[in-house]
Amino acid sequence: MALLKWLASPALLLGLALPAAHAGSIDESALLPVEQAFQLDAKAVTRGWIEFQFKVTPGYYLYRDRIKIAPTDALFKSHPLAFPPGEMKEDPNFGRMEV
C-alpha cells in the first residue's frame, strides 16, 4: 500500500511538464488532465529499483529537467533519475529544451 501511495505523487508532479500552462500562453481548459496526458506505469524491477514509464499523448512533452519524483513515505529514499536519450525541442516559452 505504501508503494501505491508513493507512486501517486509522481503523477501529481507532472503538472510541471506542461510549460504552456505555467506561461499562460494557451487556454488551460483545452489541456488534458495530467493523468490522461502522461499515463504512468511503474514496476519494481529489482529490490530497491522502480522503473517509471510514461506514455505521452501526442502534442505533449515531458521536459527532462522538470521531472521530479519524490517519495512520500520515509521508508523510500530517492536516487538520481536515469533517463533514456532525449531529443531537443524548441519551446515557445522556455526556448530549447530536452524532452
C-alpha atoms as a PDB file:
ATOM      1  CA  MET A   1       0.000   0.000   0.000  1.00  0.00           C
ATOM      2  CA  ALA A   2       2.859   2.386   0.784  1.00  0.00           C
ATOM      3  CA  LEU A   3       4.214   1.748  -2.716  1.00  0.00           C
ATOM      4  CA  LEU A   4       0.928   2.855  -4.267  1.00  0.00           C
ATOM      5  CA  LYS A   5       0.907   5.969  -2.109  1.00  0.00           C
ATOM      6  CA  TRP A   6       4.458   6.730  -3.185  1.00  0.00           C
ATOM      7  CA  LEU A   7       3.699   6.119  -6.845  1.00  0.00           C
ATOM      8  CA  ALA A   8       0.768   8.518  -6.808  1.00  0.00           C
ATOM      9  CA  SER A   9       2.984  11.530  -6.140  1.00  0.00           C
ATOM     10  CA  PRO A  10       4.856  11.495  -9.493  1.00  0.00           C
ATOM     11  CA  ALA A  11       1.621  11.880 -11.400  1.00  0.00           C
ATOM     12  CA  LEU A  12       0.809  14.994  -9.392  1.00  0.00           C
ATOM     13  CA  LEU A  13       4.234  16.452 -10.025  1.00  0.00           C
ATOM     14  CA  LEU A  14       3.882  16.066 -13.762  1.00  0.00           C
ATOM     15  CA  GLY A  15       1.993  19.337 -13.874  1.00  0.00           C
ATOM     16  CA  LEU A  16       5.444  20.851 -14.218  1.00  0.00           C
ATOM     17  CA  ALA A  17       5.732  19.148 -17.571  1.00  0.00           C
ATOM     18  CA  LEU A  18       3.117  21.427 -19.110  1.00  0.00           C
ATOM     19  CA  PRO A  19       5.078  24.675 -19.504  1.00  0.00           C
ATOM     20  CA  ALA A  20       2.445  26.366 -21.636  1.00  0.00           C
ATOM     21  CA  ALA A  21       0.004  26.184 -18.745  1.00  0.00           C
ATOM     22  CA  HIS A  22       2.511  27.914 -16.470  1.00  0.00           C
ATOM     23  CA  ALA A  23       3.284  30.591 -19.026  1.00  0.00           C
ATOM     24  CA  GLY A  24      -0.399  31.349 -19.598  1.00  0.00           C
ATOM     25  CA  SER A  25       0.034  31.278 -23.378  1.00  0.00           C
ATOM     26  CA  ILE A  26      -2.860  28.877 -24.062  1.00  0.00           C
ATOM     27  CA  ASP A  27      -6.296  28.193 -22.687  1.00  0.00           C
ATOM     28  CA  GLU A  28      -5.710  25.822 -19.758  1.00  0.00           C
ATOM     29  CA  SER A  29      -9.223  24.403 -20.128  1.00  0.00           C
ATOM     30  CA  ALA A  30      -8.119  22.984 -23.500  1.00  0.00           C
ATOM     31  CA  LEU A  31      -5.399  20.874 -21.852  1.00  0.00           C
ATOM     32  CA  LEU A  32      -5.926  17.227 -20.967  1.00  0.00           C
ATOM     33  CA  PRO A  33      -5.810  16.273 -17.287  1.00  0.00           C
ATOM     34  CA  VAL A  34      -2.212  15.432 -16.321  1.00  0.00           C
ATOM     35  CA  GLU A  35      -3.079  11.778 -15.629  1.00  0.00           C
ATOM     36  CA  GLN A  36      -4.508  11.466 -19.147  1.00  0.00           C
ATOM     37  CA  ALA A  37      -1.770  13.384 -20.998  1.00  0.00           C
ATOM     38  CA  PHE A  38       1.009  11.480 -19.197  1.00  0.00           C
ATOM     39  CA  GLN A  39      -0.019   7.918 -18.385  1.00  0.00           C
ATOM     40  CA  LEU A  40       2.335   6.476 -15.791  1.00  0.00           C
ATOM     41  CA  ASP A  41       3.333   2.845 -15.489  1.00  0.00           C
ATOM     42  CA  ALA A  42       5.622   1.849 -12.624  1.00  0.00           C
ATOM     43  CA  LYS A  43       7.055  -1.523 -11.785  1.00  0.00           C
ATOM     44  CA  ALA A  44       9.525  -2.886  -9.283  1.00  0.00           C
ATOM     45  CA  VAL A  45      12.407  -4.178 -11.401  1.00  0.00           C
ATOM     46  CA  THR A  46      14.536  -5.410  -8.515  1.00  0.00           C
ATOM     47  CA  ARG A  47      14.639  -4.785  -4.800  1.00  0.00           C
ATOM     48  CA  GLY A  48      15.193  -1.071  -4.347  1.00  0.00           C
ATOM     49  CA  TRP A  49      14.695  -0.216  -8.032  1.00  0.00           C
ATOM     50  CA  ILE A  50      11.454   1.102  -9.519  1.00  0.00           C
ATOM     51  CA  GLU A  51      11.104   1.764 -13.229  1.00  0.00           C
ATOM     52  CA  PHE A  52       8.738   4.512 -14.356  1.00  0.00           C
ATOM     53  CA  GLN A  53       7.492   4.638 -17.935  1.00  0.00           C
ATOM     54  CA  PHE A  54       5.310   7.383 -19.312  1.00  0.00           C
ATOM     55  CA  LYS A  55       3.012   7.090 -22.301  1.00  0.00           C
ATOM     56  CA  VAL A  56       2.911  10.676 -23.515  1.00  0.00           C
ATOM     57  CA  THR A  57      -0.050  11.895 -25.569  1.00  0.00           C
ATOM     58  CA  PRO A  58       0.994  13.276 -28.985  1.00  0.00           C
ATOM     59  CA  GLY A  59       1.470  17.044 -28.800  1.00  0.00           C
ATOM     60  CA  TYR A  60       2.551  16.917 -25.143  1.00  0.00           C
ATOM     61  CA  TYR A  61       6.131  16.697 -23.875  1.00  0.00           C
ATOM     62  CA  LEU A  62       7.901  15.721 -20.682  1.00  0.00           C
ATOM     63  CA  TYR A  63      10.692  18.223 -20.102  1.00  0.00           C
ATOM     64  CA  ARG A  64      13.645  16.296 -18.725  1.00  0.00           C
ATOM     65  CA  ASP A  65      14.914  18.948 -16.325  1.00  0.00           C
ATOM     66  CA  ARG A  66      11.420  19.419 -14.870  1.00  0.00           C
ATOM     67  CA  ILE A  67      10.685  15.804 -13.981  1.00  0.00           C
ATOM     68  CA  LYS A  68      10.780  15.282 -10.245  1.00  0.00           C
ATOM     69  CA  ILE A  69       9.863  12.157  -8.345  1.00  0.00           C
ATOM     70  CA  ALA A  70       9.870  12.303  -4.582  1.00  0.00           C
ATOM     71  CA  PRO A  71       8.877   9.617  -2.091  1.00  0.00           C
ATOM     72  CA  THR A  72       6.027  10.444   0.260  1.00  0.00           C
ATOM     73  CA  ASP A  73       6.951   7.650   2.647  1.00  0.00           C
ATOM     74  CA  ALA A  74      10.042   7.746   4.884  1.00  0.00           C
ATOM     75  CA  LEU A  75      10.750   4.100   4.014  1.00  0.00           C
ATOM     76  CA  PHE A  76      11.730   5.110   0.484  1.00  0.00           C
ATOM     77  CA  LYS A  77      14.825   7.046  -0.497  1.00  0.00           C
ATOM     78  CA  SER A  78      15.076   8.848  -3.784  1.00  0.00           C
ATOM     79  CA  HIS A  79      18.087   8.390  -6.002  1.00  0.00           C
ATOM     80  CA  PRO A  80      19.201  10.226  -9.128  1.00  0.00           C
ATOM     81  CA  LEU A  81      16.888   9.552 -12.044  1.00  0.00           C
ATOM     82  CA  ALA A  82      18.233   7.771 -15.129  1.00  0.00           C
ATOM     83  CA  PHE A  83      16.741   8.719 -18.486  1.00  0.00           C
ATOM     84  CA  PRO A  84      16.954   7.282 -21.996  1.00  0.00           C
ATOM     85  CA  PRO A  85      18.369   9.631 -24.632  1.00  0.00           C
ATOM     86  CA  GLY A  86      16.060  12.593 -25.215  1.00  0.00           C
ATOM     87  CA  GLU A  87      15.531  14.906 -28.141  1.00  0.00           C
ATOM     88  CA  MET A  88      15.739  18.668 -28.324  1.00  0.00           C
ATOM     89  CA  LYS A  89      12.581  20.724 -28.939  1.00  0.00           C
ATOM     90  CA  GLU A  90      12.158  24.456 -29.344  1.00  0.00           C
ATOM     91  CA  ASP A  91       9.554  25.565 -26.809  1.00  0.00           C
ATOM     92  CA  PRO A  92       7.944  28.983 -27.410  1.00  0.00           C
ATOM     93  CA  ASN A  93       8.018  29.739 -23.668  1.00  0.00           C
ATOM     94  CA  PHE A  94      11.251  28.133 -22.477  1.00  0.00           C
ATOM     95  CA  GLY A  95      13.459  28.012 -25.572  1.00  0.00           C
ATOM     96  CA  ARG A  96      15.467  24.928 -26.446  1.00  0.00           C
ATOM     97  CA  MET A  97      14.564  22.069 -24.088  1.00  0.00           C
ATOM     98  CA  GLU A  98      15.362  18.362 -23.930  1.00  0.00           C
ATOM     99  CA  VAL A  99      12.252  16.188 -23.936  1.00  0.00           C
END
